[in-house]
Amino acid sequence: MLQAWSPFQKGFFDGVFIGDRDNYGELNQALDELSKAHGVTPSGLAVAWIVRHPANIQVVLGTTNPDRVIEAAPVRTYGSLARSGTGCSVRRGTSFPEGGG
């Protein structure tokens, strides 16, 4: 089984990319739009994308911030995010994985 350790971390000491509009503006705009459309958090949307990958990836948030855990925790209740995640994937030139989580 694969594990994604600290998948939101953008560098060793630089914090997370979610919410960093200066360096990841396009990605955060897509996350904001998609998460708002589905009533979920951007972190939850990102976790949903990871766990739906066909490789059956486990997410290890790697945070000491309880708010980040809470934002990402209800990922299993997000339902039909596979089609929605396409917006983020297309901007990076990949396709959103169907199936999984």
PDB file of N, CA and C in Angstrom:
ATOM      1  N   MET A   1       0.837  -1.169   0.000  1.00  0.00           N
ATOM      2  CA  MET A   1       0.000   0.000   0.000  1.00  0.00           C
ATOM      3  C   MET A   1       0.888   1.241   0.000  1.00  0.00           C
ATOM      4  N   LEU A   2       0.548   2.188  -0.819  1.00  0.00           N
ATOM      5  CA  LEU A   2       1.270   3.459  -0.873  1.00  0.00           C
ATOM      6  C   LEU A   2       0.710   4.426   0.157  1.00  0.00           C
ATOM      7  N   GLN A   3       1.571   5.278   0.672  1.00  0.00           N
ATOM      8  CA  GLN A   3       1.139   6.308   1.604  1.00  0.00           C
ATOM      9  C   GLN A   3       1.647   7.662   1.134  1.00  0.00           C
ATOM     10  N   ALA A   4       0.768   8.640   1.204  1.00  0.00           N
ATOM     11  CA  ALA A   4       1.149  10.019   0.888  1.00  0.00           C
ATOM     12  C   ALA A   4       1.411  10.734   2.213  1.00  0.00           C
ATOM     13  N   TRP A   5       2.676  10.955   2.517  1.00  0.00           N
ATOM     14  CA  TRP A   5       3.060  11.600   3.768  1.00  0.00           C
ATOM     15  C   TRP A   5       3.090  13.112   3.573  1.00  0.00           C
ATOM     16  N   SER A   6       2.377  13.827   4.413  1.00  0.00           N
ATOM     17  CA  SER A   6       2.311  15.297   4.362  1.00  0.00           C
ATOM     18  C   SER A   6       2.048  15.777   2.939  1.00  0.00           C
ATOM     19  N   PRO A   7       0.958  15.338   2.311  1.00  0.00           N
ATOM     20  CA  PRO A   7       0.736  15.642   0.898  1.00  0.00           C
ATOM     21  C   PRO A   7       0.490  17.110   0.586  1.00  0.00           C
ATOM     22  N   PHE A   8       0.221  17.936   1.594  1.00  0.00           N
ATOM     23  CA  PHE A   8      -0.019  19.360   1.335  1.00  0.00           C
ATOM     24  C   PHE A   8       1.226  20.203   1.550  1.00  0.00           C
ATOM     25  N   GLN A   9       2.293  19.585   2.031  1.00  0.00           N
ATOM     26  CA  GLN A   9       3.524  20.313   2.333  1.00  0.00           C
ATOM     27  C   GLN A   9       4.213  20.723   1.038  1.00  0.00           C
ATOM     28  N   LYS A  10       4.637  21.972   0.950  1.00  0.00           N
ATOM     29  CA  LYS A  10       5.282  22.449  -0.280  1.00  0.00           C
ATOM     30  C   LYS A  10       6.795  22.537  -0.173  1.00  0.00           C
ATOM     31  N   GLY A  11       7.321  22.320   0.965  1.00  0.00           N
ATOM     32  CA  GLY A  11       8.760  22.316   1.186  1.00  0.00           C
ATOM     33  C   GLY A  11       9.011  21.880   2.613  1.00  0.00           C
ATOM     34  N   PHE A  12      10.259  21.677   2.957  1.00  0.00           N
ATOM     35  CA  PHE A  12      10.546  21.150   4.278  1.00  0.00           C
ATOM     36  C   PHE A  12      10.087  22.081   5.391  1.00  0.00           C
ATOM     37  N   PHE A  13      10.273  23.396   5.210  1.00  0.00           N
ATOM     38  CA  PHE A  13       9.880  24.368   6.229  1.00  0.00           C
ATOM     39  C   PHE A  13       8.913  25.421   5.711  1.00  0.00           C
ATOM     40  N   ASP A  14       8.379  25.231   4.524  1.00  0.00           N
ATOM     41  CA  ASP A  14       7.600  26.282   3.876  1.00  0.00           C
ATOM     42  C   ASP A  14       6.099  26.230   4.127  1.00  0.00           C
ATOM     43  N   GLY A  15       5.621  25.257   4.845  1.00  0.00           N
ATOM     44  CA  GLY A  15       4.184  25.170   5.091  1.00  0.00           C
ATOM     45  C   GLY A  15       3.464  24.420   3.991  1.00  0.00           C
ATOM     46  N   VAL A  16       2.169  24.679   3.885  1.00  0.00           N
ATOM     47  CA  VAL A  16       1.331  23.943   2.932  1.00  0.00           C
ATOM     48  C   VAL A  16       0.995  24.800   1.712  1.00  0.00           C
ATOM     49  N   PHE A  17       0.716  24.127   0.594  1.00  0.00           N
ATOM     50  CA  PHE A  17       0.372  24.859  -0.629  1.00  0.00           C
ATOM     51  C   PHE A  17      -1.095  25.288  -0.644  1.00  0.00           C
ATOM     52  N   ILE A  18      -1.954  24.592   0.110  1.00  0.00           N
ATOM     53  CA  ILE A  18      -3.367  24.967   0.139  1.00  0.00           C
ATOM     54  C   ILE A  18      -3.500  26.295   0.874  1.00  0.00           C
ATOM     55  N   GLY A  19      -4.050  27.266   0.184  1.00  0.00           N
ATOM     56  CA  GLY A  19      -4.175  28.608   0.728  1.00  0.00           C
ATOM     57  C   GLY A  19      -3.042  29.540   0.323  1.00  0.00           C
ATOM     58  N   ASP A  20      -1.979  29.015  -0.277  1.00  0.00           N
ATOM     59  CA  ASP A  20      -0.851  29.839  -0.734  1.00  0.00           C
ATOM     60  C   ASP A  20      -1.142  30.337  -2.144  1.00  0.00           C
ATOM     61  N   ARG A  21      -1.866  31.434  -2.210  1.00  0.00           N
ATOM     62  CA  ARG A  21      -2.277  31.981  -3.502  1.00  0.00           C
ATOM     63  C   ARG A  21      -1.146  32.710  -4.231  1.00  0.00           C
ATOM     64  N   ASP A  22      -0.105  33.101  -3.508  1.00  0.00           N
ATOM     65  CA  ASP A  22       1.032  33.759  -4.152  1.00  0.00           C
ATOM     66  C   ASP A  22       1.808  32.794  -5.048  1.00  0.00           C
ATOM     67  N   ASN A  23       2.013  31.582  -4.574  1.00  0.00           N
ATOM     68  CA  ASN A  23       2.818  30.612  -5.318  1.00  0.00           C
ATOM     69  C   ASN A  23       1.998  29.554  -6.051  1.00  0.00           C
ATOM     70  N   TYR A  24       0.744  29.349  -5.604  1.00  0.00           N
ATOM     71  CA  TYR A  24      -0.102  28.303  -6.188  1.00  0.00           C
ATOM     72  C   TYR A  24      -1.500  28.860  -6.441  1.00  0.00           C
ATOM     73  N   GLY A  25      -1.551  30.023  -7.044  1.00  0.00           N
ATOM     74  CA  GLY A  25      -2.809  30.722  -7.249  1.00  0.00           C
ATOM     75  C   GLY A  25      -3.820  29.957  -8.080  1.00  0.00           C
ATOM     76  N   GLU A  26      -3.413  29.446  -9.225  1.00  0.00           N
ATOM     77  CA  GLU A  26      -4.329  28.738 -10.120  1.00  0.00           C
ATOM     78  C   GLU A  26      -4.884  27.473  -9.457  1.00  0.00           C
ATOM     79  N   LEU A  27      -4.014  26.727  -8.803  1.00  0.00           N
ATOM     80  CA  LEU A  27      -4.445  25.515  -8.121  1.00  0.00           C
ATOM     81  C   LEU A  27      -5.417  25.840  -6.987  1.00  0.00           C
ATOM     82  N   ASN A  28      -5.106  26.861  -6.187  1.00  0.00           N
ATOM     83  CA  ASN A  28      -5.988  27.232  -5.085  1.00  0.00           C
ATOM     84  C   ASN A  28      -7.311  27.791  -5.576  1.00  0.00           C
ATOM     85  N   GLN A  29      -7.301  28.485  -6.683  1.00  0.00           N
ATOM     86  CA  GLN A  29      -8.559  28.968  -7.257  1.00  0.00           C
ATOM     87  C   GLN A  29      -9.448  27.785  -7.649  1.00  0.00           C
ATOM     88  N   ALA A  30      -8.848  26.783  -8.285  1.00  0.00           N
ATOM     89  CA  ALA A  30      -9.610  25.594  -8.669  1.00  0.00           C
ATOM     90  C   ALA A  30     -10.124  24.853  -7.437  1.00  0.00           C
ATOM     91  N   LEU A  31      -9.274  24.693  -6.430  1.00  0.00           N
ATOM     92  CA  LEU A  31      -9.701  24.035  -5.196  1.00  0.00           C
ATOM     93  C   LEU A  31     -10.839  24.798  -4.528  1.00  0.00           C
ATOM     94  N   ASP A  32     -10.733  26.129  -4.498  1.00  0.00           N
ATOM     95  CA  ASP A  32     -11.783  26.949  -3.889  1.00  0.00           C
ATOM     96  C   ASP A  32     -13.116  26.793  -4.621  1.00  0.00           C
ATOM     97  N   GLU A  33     -13.065  26.859  -5.946  1.00  0.00           N
ATOM     98  CA  GLU A  33     -14.291  26.754  -6.745  1.00  0.00           C
ATOM     99  C   GLU A  33     -14.958  25.389  -6.576  1.00  0.00           C
ATOM    100  N   LEU A  34     -14.157  24.339  -6.677  1.00  0.00           N
ATOM    101  CA  LEU A  34     -14.703  22.989  -6.585  1.00  0.00           C
ATOM    102  C   LEU A  34     -15.192  22.657  -5.177  1.00  0.00           C
ATOM    103  N   SER A  35     -14.444  23.070  -4.184  1.00  0.00           N
ATOM    104  CA  SER A  35     -14.863  22.763  -2.813  1.00  0.00           C
ATOM    105  C   SER A  35     -16.121  23.547  -2.442  1.00  0.00           C
ATOM    106  N   LYS A  36     -16.217  24.788  -2.904  1.00  0.00           N
ATOM    107  CA  LYS A  36     -17.419  25.577  -2.636  1.00  0.00           C
ATOM    108  C   LYS A  36     -18.640  24.962  -3.326  1.00  0.00           C
ATOM    109  N   ALA A  37     -18.457  24.509  -4.540  1.00  0.00           N
ATOM    110  CA  ALA A  37     -19.555  23.915  -5.300  1.00  0.00           C
ATOM    111  C   ALA A  37     -20.106  22.660  -4.620  1.00  0.00           C
ATOM    112  N   HIS A  38     -19.262  21.967  -3.854  1.00  0.00           N
ATOM    113  CA  HIS A  38     -19.674  20.717  -3.222  1.00  0.00           C
ATOM    114  C   HIS A  38     -19.779  20.809  -1.709  1.00  0.00           C
ATOM    115  N   GLY A  39     -19.594  22.004  -1.170  1.00  0.00           N
ATOM    116  CA  GLY A  39     -19.737  22.176   0.269  1.00  0.00           C
ATOM    117  C   GLY A  39     -18.709  21.433   1.092  1.00  0.00           C
ATOM    118  N   VAL A  40     -17.486  21.366   0.578  1.00  0.00           N
ATOM    119  CA  VAL A  40     -16.394  20.706   1.291  1.00  0.00           C
ATOM    120  C   VAL A  40     -15.238  21.690   1.412  1.00  0.00           C
ATOM    121  N   THR A  41     -14.226  21.325   2.158  1.00  0.00           N
ATOM    122  CA  THR A  41     -13.049  22.182   2.297  1.00  0.00           C
ATOM    123  C   THR A  41     -12.052  21.885   1.173  1.00  0.00           C
ATOM    124  N   PRO A  42     -11.191  22.835   0.841  1.00  0.00           N
ATOM    125  CA  PRO A  42     -10.138  22.546  -0.141  1.00  0.00           C
ATOM    126  C   PRO A  42      -9.250  21.370   0.285  1.00  0.00           C
ATOM    127  N   SER A  43      -8.945  21.289   1.571  1.00  0.00           N
ATOM    128  CA  SER A  43      -8.141  20.159   2.061  1.00  0.00           C
ATOM    129  C   SER A  43      -8.878  18.845   1.873  1.00  0.00           C
ATOM    130  N   GLY A  44     -10.167  18.846   2.172  1.00  0.00           N
ATOM    131  CA  GLY A  44     -10.968  17.642   1.996  1.00  0.00           C
ATOM    132  C   GLY A  44     -11.026  17.218   0.546  1.00  0.00           C
ATOM    133  N   LEU A  45     -11.150  18.185  -0.354  1.00  0.00           N
ATOM    134  CA  LEU A  45     -11.168  17.886  -1.785  1.00  0.00           C
ATOM    135  C   LEU A  45      -9.847  17.263  -2.215  1.00  0.00           C
ATOM    136  N   ALA A  46      -8.736  17.818  -1.730  1.00  0.00           N
ATOM    137  CA  ALA A  46      -7.418  17.281  -2.082  1.00  0.00           C
ATOM    138  C   ALA A  46      -7.245  15.860  -1.547  1.00  0.00           C
ATOM    139  N   VAL A  47      -7.702  15.613  -0.322  1.00  0.00           N
ATOM    140  CA  VAL A  47      -7.620  14.266   0.235  1.00  0.00           C
ATOM    141  C   VAL A  47      -8.488  13.308  -0.580  1.00  0.00           C
ATOM    142  N   ALA A  48      -9.680  13.759  -0.958  1.00  0.00           N
ATOM    143  CA  ALA A  48     -10.565  12.919  -1.771  1.00  0.00           C
ATOM    144  C   ALA A  48      -9.891  12.532  -3.077  1.00  0.00           C
ATOM    145  N   TRP A  49      -9.187  13.467  -3.697  1.00  0.00           N
ATOM    146  CA  TRP A  49      -8.479  13.187  -4.942  1.00  0.00           C
ATOM    147  C   TRP A  49      -7.423  12.104  -4.720  1.00  0.00           C
ATOM    148  N   ILE A  50      -6.669  12.224  -3.637  1.00  0.00           N
ATOM    149  CA  ILE A  50      -5.596  11.262  -3.360  1.00  0.00           C
ATOM    150  C   ILE A  50      -6.159   9.868  -3.093  1.00  0.00           C
ATOM    151  N   VAL A  51      -7.164   9.775  -2.228  1.00  0.00           N
ATOM    152  CA  VAL A  51      -7.658   8.443  -1.851  1.00  0.00           C
ATOM    153  C   VAL A  51      -8.447   7.761  -2.960  1.00  0.00           C
ATOM    154  N   ARG A  52      -8.893   8.501  -3.959  1.00  0.00           N
ATOM    155  CA  ARG A  52      -9.594   7.891  -5.092  1.00  0.00           C
ATOM    156  C   ARG A  52      -8.631   7.385  -6.164  1.00  0.00           C
ATOM    157  N   HIS A  53      -7.362   7.623  -5.991  1.00  0.00           N
ATOM    158  CA  HIS A  53      -6.374   7.149  -6.957  1.00  0.00           C
ATOM    159  C   HIS A  53      -6.402   5.613  -7.007  1.00  0.00           C
ATOM    160  N   PRO A  54      -6.290   5.024  -8.203  1.00  0.00           N
ATOM    161  CA  PRO A  54      -6.348   3.567  -8.326  1.00  0.00           C
ATOM    162  C   PRO A  54      -5.268   2.817  -7.546  1.00  0.00           C
ATOM    163  N   ALA A  55      -4.198   3.494  -7.161  1.00  0.00           N
ATOM    164  CA  ALA A  55      -3.134   2.831  -6.399  1.00  0.00           C
ATOM    165  C   ALA A  55      -3.513   2.630  -4.935  1.00  0.00           C
ATOM    166  N   ASN A  56      -4.729   3.062  -4.555  1.00  0.00           N
ATOM    167  CA  ASN A  56      -5.223   2.875  -3.190  1.00  0.00           C
ATOM    168  C   ASN A  56      -4.286   3.514  -2.165  1.00  0.00           C
ATOM    169  N   ILE A  57      -4.041   4.798  -2.327  1.00  0.00           N
ATOM    170  CA  ILE A  57      -3.101   5.549  -1.495  1.00  0.00           C
ATOM    171  C   ILE A  57      -3.750   5.942  -0.169  1.00  0.00           C
ATOM    172  N   GLN A  58      -3.024   5.722   0.914  1.00  0.00           N
ATOM    173  CA  GLN A  58      -3.434   6.193   2.227  1.00  0.00           C
ATOM    174  C   GLN A  58      -2.831   7.571   2.457  1.00  0.00           C
ATOM    175  N   VAL A  59      -3.587   8.449   3.081  1.00  0.00           N
ATOM    176  CA  VAL A  59      -3.086   9.783   3.382  1.00  0.00           C
ATOM    177  C   VAL A  59      -2.621   9.839   4.827  1.00  0.00           C
ATOM    178  N   VAL A  60      -1.383  10.281   5.019  1.00  0.00           N
ATOM    179  CA  VAL A  60      -0.843  10.555   6.347  1.00  0.00           C
ATOM    180  C   VAL A  60      -0.623  12.059   6.373  1.00  0.00           C
ATOM    181  N   LEU A  61      -1.550  12.771   7.007  1.00  0.00           N
ATOM    182  CA  LEU A  61      -1.526  14.232   6.937  1.00  0.00           C
ATOM    183  C   LEU A  61      -0.231  14.841   7.452  1.00  0.00           C
ATOM    184  N   GLY A  62       0.383  14.262   8.454  1.00  0.00           N
ATOM    185  CA  GLY A  62       1.653  14.777   8.948  1.00  0.00           C
ATOM    186  C   GLY A  62       1.540  16.176   9.508  1.00  0.00           C
ATOM    187  N   THR A  63       0.505  16.424  10.283  1.00  0.00           N
ATOM    188  CA  THR A  63       0.297  17.747  10.845  1.00  0.00           C
ATOM    189  C   THR A  63       0.097  17.660  12.345  1.00  0.00           C
ATOM    190  N   THR A  64       0.445  18.724  13.028  1.00  0.00           N
ATOM    191  CA  THR A  64       0.139  18.843  14.453  1.00  0.00           C
ATOM    192  C   THR A  64      -0.980  19.857  14.650  1.00  0.00           C
ATOM    193  N   ASN A  65      -1.560  20.304  13.536  1.00  0.00           N
ATOM    194  CA  ASN A  65      -2.633  21.285  13.570  1.00  0.00           C
ATOM    195  C   ASN A  65      -3.978  20.558  13.545  1.00  0.00           C
ATOM    196  N   PRO A  66      -4.709  20.551  14.664  1.00  0.00           N
ATOM    197  CA  PRO A  66      -5.994  19.841  14.713  1.00  0.00           C
ATOM    198  C   PRO A  66      -6.997  20.332  13.673  1.00  0.00           C
ATOM    199  N   ASP A  67      -6.942  21.606  13.317  1.00  0.00           N
ATOM    200  CA  ASP A  67      -7.869  22.146  12.321  1.00  0.00           C
ATOM    201  C   ASP A  67      -7.666  21.490  10.958  1.00  0.00           C
ATOM    202  N   ARG A  68      -6.420  21.193  10.598  1.00  0.00           N
ATOM    203  CA  ARG A  68      -6.163  20.531   9.315  1.00  0.00           C
ATOM    204  C   ARG A  68      -6.730  19.120   9.300  1.00  0.00           C
ATOM    205  N   VAL A  69      -6.661  18.445  10.422  1.00  0.00           N
ATOM    206  CA  VAL A  69      -7.228  17.096  10.511  1.00  0.00           C
ATOM    207  C   VAL A  69      -8.743  17.171  10.359  1.00  0.00           C
ATOM    208  N   ILE A  70      -9.361  18.107  11.052  1.00  0.00           N
ATOM    209  CA  ILE A  70     -10.816  18.266  10.979  1.00  0.00           C
ATOM    210  C   ILE A  70     -11.256  18.604   9.558  1.00  0.00           C
ATOM    211  N   GLU A  71     -10.517  19.483   8.879  1.00  0.00           N
ATOM    212  CA  GLU A  71     -10.867  19.874   7.508  1.00  0.00           C
ATOM    213  C   GLU A  71     -10.796  18.701   6.541  1.00  0.00           C
ATOM    214  N   ALA A  72      -9.883  17.786   6.770  1.00  0.00           N
ATOM    215  CA  ALA A  72      -9.678  16.676   5.840  1.00  0.00           C
ATOM    216  C   ALA A  72     -10.420  15.403   6.238  1.00  0.00           C
ATOM    217  N   ALA A  73     -10.862  15.305   7.471  1.00  0.00           N
ATOM    218  CA  ALA A  73     -11.407  14.057   8.016  1.00  0.00           C
ATOM    219  C   ALA A  73     -12.649  13.514   7.307  1.00  0.00           C
ATOM    220  N   PRO A  74     -13.658  14.316   6.963  1.00  0.00           N
ATOM    221  CA  PRO A  74     -14.891  13.724   6.427  1.00  0.00           C
ATOM    222  C   PRO A  74     -14.835  13.375   4.947  1.00  0.00           C
ATOM    223  N   VAL A  75     -13.668  13.022   4.437  1.00  0.00           N
ATOM    224  CA  VAL A  75     -13.492  12.783   3.008  1.00  0.00           C
ATOM    225  C   VAL A  75     -14.422  11.692   2.472  1.00  0.00           C
ATOM    226  N   ARG A  76     -14.737  10.694   3.226  1.00  0.00           N
ATOM    227  CA  ARG A  76     -15.586   9.597   2.744  1.00  0.00           C
ATOM    228  C   ARG A  76     -17.023  10.042   2.498  1.00  0.00           C
ATOM    229  N   THR A  77     -17.424  11.174   3.038  1.00  0.00           N
ATOM    230  CA  THR A  77     -18.805  11.633   2.867  1.00  0.00           C
ATOM    231  C   THR A  77     -18.958  12.548   1.658  1.00  0.00           C
ATOM    232  N   TYR A  78     -17.907  12.724   0.880  1.00  0.00           N
ATOM    233  CA  TYR A  78     -17.936  13.709  -0.197  1.00  0.00           C
ATOM    234  C   TYR A  78     -18.567  13.225  -1.490  1.00  0.00           C
ATOM    235  N   GLY A  79     -18.948  11.972  -1.566  1.00  0.00           N
ATOM    236  CA  GLY A  79     -19.726  11.480  -2.694  1.00  0.00           C
ATOM    237  C   GLY A  79     -19.073  11.612  -4.049  1.00  0.00           C
ATOM    238  N   SER A  80     -19.660  12.405  -4.926  1.00  0.00           N
ATOM    239  CA  SER A  80     -19.300  12.428  -6.344  1.00  0.00           C
ATOM    240  C   SER A  80     -18.208  13.432  -6.675  1.00  0.00           C
ATOM    241  N   LEU A  81     -17.114  13.404  -5.942  1.00  0.00           N
ATOM    242  CA  LEU A  81     -16.045  14.359  -6.213  1.00  0.00           C
ATOM    243  C   LEU A  81     -15.163  13.939  -7.377  1.00  0.00           C
ATOM    244  N   ALA A  82     -15.280  12.720  -7.843  1.00  0.00           N
ATOM    245  CA  ALA A  82     -14.402  12.271  -8.925  1.00  0.00           C
ATOM    246  C   ALA A  82     -14.541  13.162 -10.147  1.00  0.00           C
ATOM    247  N   ARG A  83     -15.757  13.430 -10.557  1.00  0.00           N
ATOM    248  CA  ARG A  83     -15.952  14.284 -11.732  1.00  0.00           C
ATOM    249  C   ARG A  83     -15.500  15.707 -11.448  1.00  0.00           C
ATOM    250  N   SER A  84     -15.730  16.192 -10.248  1.00  0.00           N
ATOM    251  CA  SER A  84     -15.351  17.555  -9.888  1.00  0.00           C
ATOM    252  C   SER A  84     -13.847  17.737  -9.848  1.00  0.00           C
ATOM    253  N   GLY A  85     -13.130  16.718  -9.412  1.00  0.00           N
ATOM    254  CA  GLY A  85     -11.686  16.813  -9.311  1.00  0.00           C
ATOM    255  C   GLY A  85     -11.010  17.014 -10.645  1.00  0.00           C
ATOM    256  N   THR A  86     -11.721  16.761 -11.716  1.00  0.00           N
ATOM    257  CA  THR A  86     -11.151  16.918 -13.047  1.00  0.00           C
ATOM    258  C   THR A  86     -10.622  18.324 -13.256  1.00  0.00           C
ATOM    259  N   GLY A  87     -11.287  19.318 -12.715  1.00  0.00           N
ATOM    260  CA  GLY A  87     -10.845  20.699 -12.880  1.00  0.00           C
ATOM    261  C   GLY A  87      -9.429  20.917 -12.396  1.00  0.00           C
ATOM    262  N   CYS A  88      -9.075  20.323 -11.271  1.00  0.00           N
ATOM    263  CA  CYS A  88      -7.720  20.451 -10.750  1.00  0.00           C
ATOM    264  C   CYS A  88      -6.746  19.638 -11.581  1.00  0.00           C
ATOM    265  N   SER A  89      -7.150  18.444 -11.998  1.00  0.00           N
ATOM    266  CA  SER A  89      -6.248  17.563 -12.731  1.00  0.00           C
ATOM    267  C   SER A  89      -5.953  18.084 -14.129  1.00  0.00           C
ATOM    268  N   VAL A  90      -6.970  18.568 -14.806  1.00  0.00           N
ATOM    269  CA  VAL A  90      -6.784  19.050 -16.170  1.00  0.00           C
ATOM    270  C   VAL A  90      -5.781  20.188 -16.205  1.00  0.00           C
ATOM    271  N   ARG A  91      -5.787  21.017 -15.193  1.00  0.00           N
ATOM    272  CA  ARG A  91      -4.849  22.140 -15.153  1.00  0.00           C
ATOM    273  C   ARG A  91      -3.422  21.671 -14.994  1.00  0.00           C
ATOM    274  N   ARG A  92      -3.235  20.462 -14.548  1.00  0.00           N
ATOM    275  CA  ARG A  92      -1.891  19.905 -14.415  1.00  0.00           C
ATOM    276  C   ARG A  92      -1.595  18.888 -15.513  1.00  0.00           C
ATOM    277  N   GLY A  93      -2.516  18.694 -16.459  1.00  0.00           N
ATOM    278  CA  GLY A  93      -2.265  17.811 -17.587  1.00  0.00           C
ATOM    279  C   GLY A  93      -2.447  16.338 -17.294  1.00  0.00           C
ATOM    280  N   THR A  94      -3.198  16.009 -16.252  1.00  0.00           N
ATOM    281  CA  THR A  94      -3.467  14.617 -15.931  1.00  0.00           C
ATOM    282  C   THR A  94      -4.963  14.407 -15.857  1.00  0.00           C
ATOM    283  N   SER A  95      -5.370  13.159 -15.761  1.00  0.00           N
ATOM    284  CA  SER A  95      -6.792  12.885 -15.625  1.00  0.00           C
ATOM    285  C   SER A  95      -7.097  12.483 -14.192  1.00  0.00           C
ATOM    286  N   PHE A  96      -8.305  12.753 -13.755  1.00  0.00           N
ATOM    287  CA  PHE A  96      -8.699  12.419 -12.386  1.00  0.00           C
ATOM    288  C   PHE A  96      -8.977  10.933 -12.299  1.00  0.00           C
ATOM    289  N   PRO A  97      -8.460  10.253 -11.290  1.00  0.00           N
ATOM    290  CA  PRO A  97      -8.697   8.810 -11.179  1.00  0.00           C
ATOM    291  C   PRO A  97     -10.138   8.494 -10.814  1.00  0.00           C
ATOM    292  N   GLU A  98     -10.726   7.564 -11.519  1.00  0.00           N
ATOM    293  CA  GLU A  98     -12.060   7.078 -11.182  1.00  0.00           C
ATOM    294  C   GLU A  98     -11.895   5.909 -10.228  1.00  0.00           C
ATOM    295  N   GLY A  99     -12.905   5.645  -9.437  1.00  0.00           N
ATOM    296  CA  GLY A  99     -12.870   4.508  -8.517  1.00  0.00           C
ATOM    297  C   GLY A  99     -12.224   4.875  -7.206  1.00  0.00           C
ATOM    298  N   GLY A 100     -11.727   3.884  -6.502  1.00  0.00           N
ATOM    299  CA  GLY A 100     -11.087   4.106  -5.215  1.00  0.00           C
ATOM    300  C   GLY A 100     -12.086   4.487  -4.149  1.00  0.00           C
ATOM    301  N   GLY A 101     -11.602   5.207  -3.111  1.00  0.00           N
ATOM    302  CA  GLY A 101     -12.247   5.649  -1.927  1.00  0.00           C
ATOM    303  C   GLY A 101     -13.657   5.792  -1.836  1.00  0.00           C
TER     304      GLY A 101
END
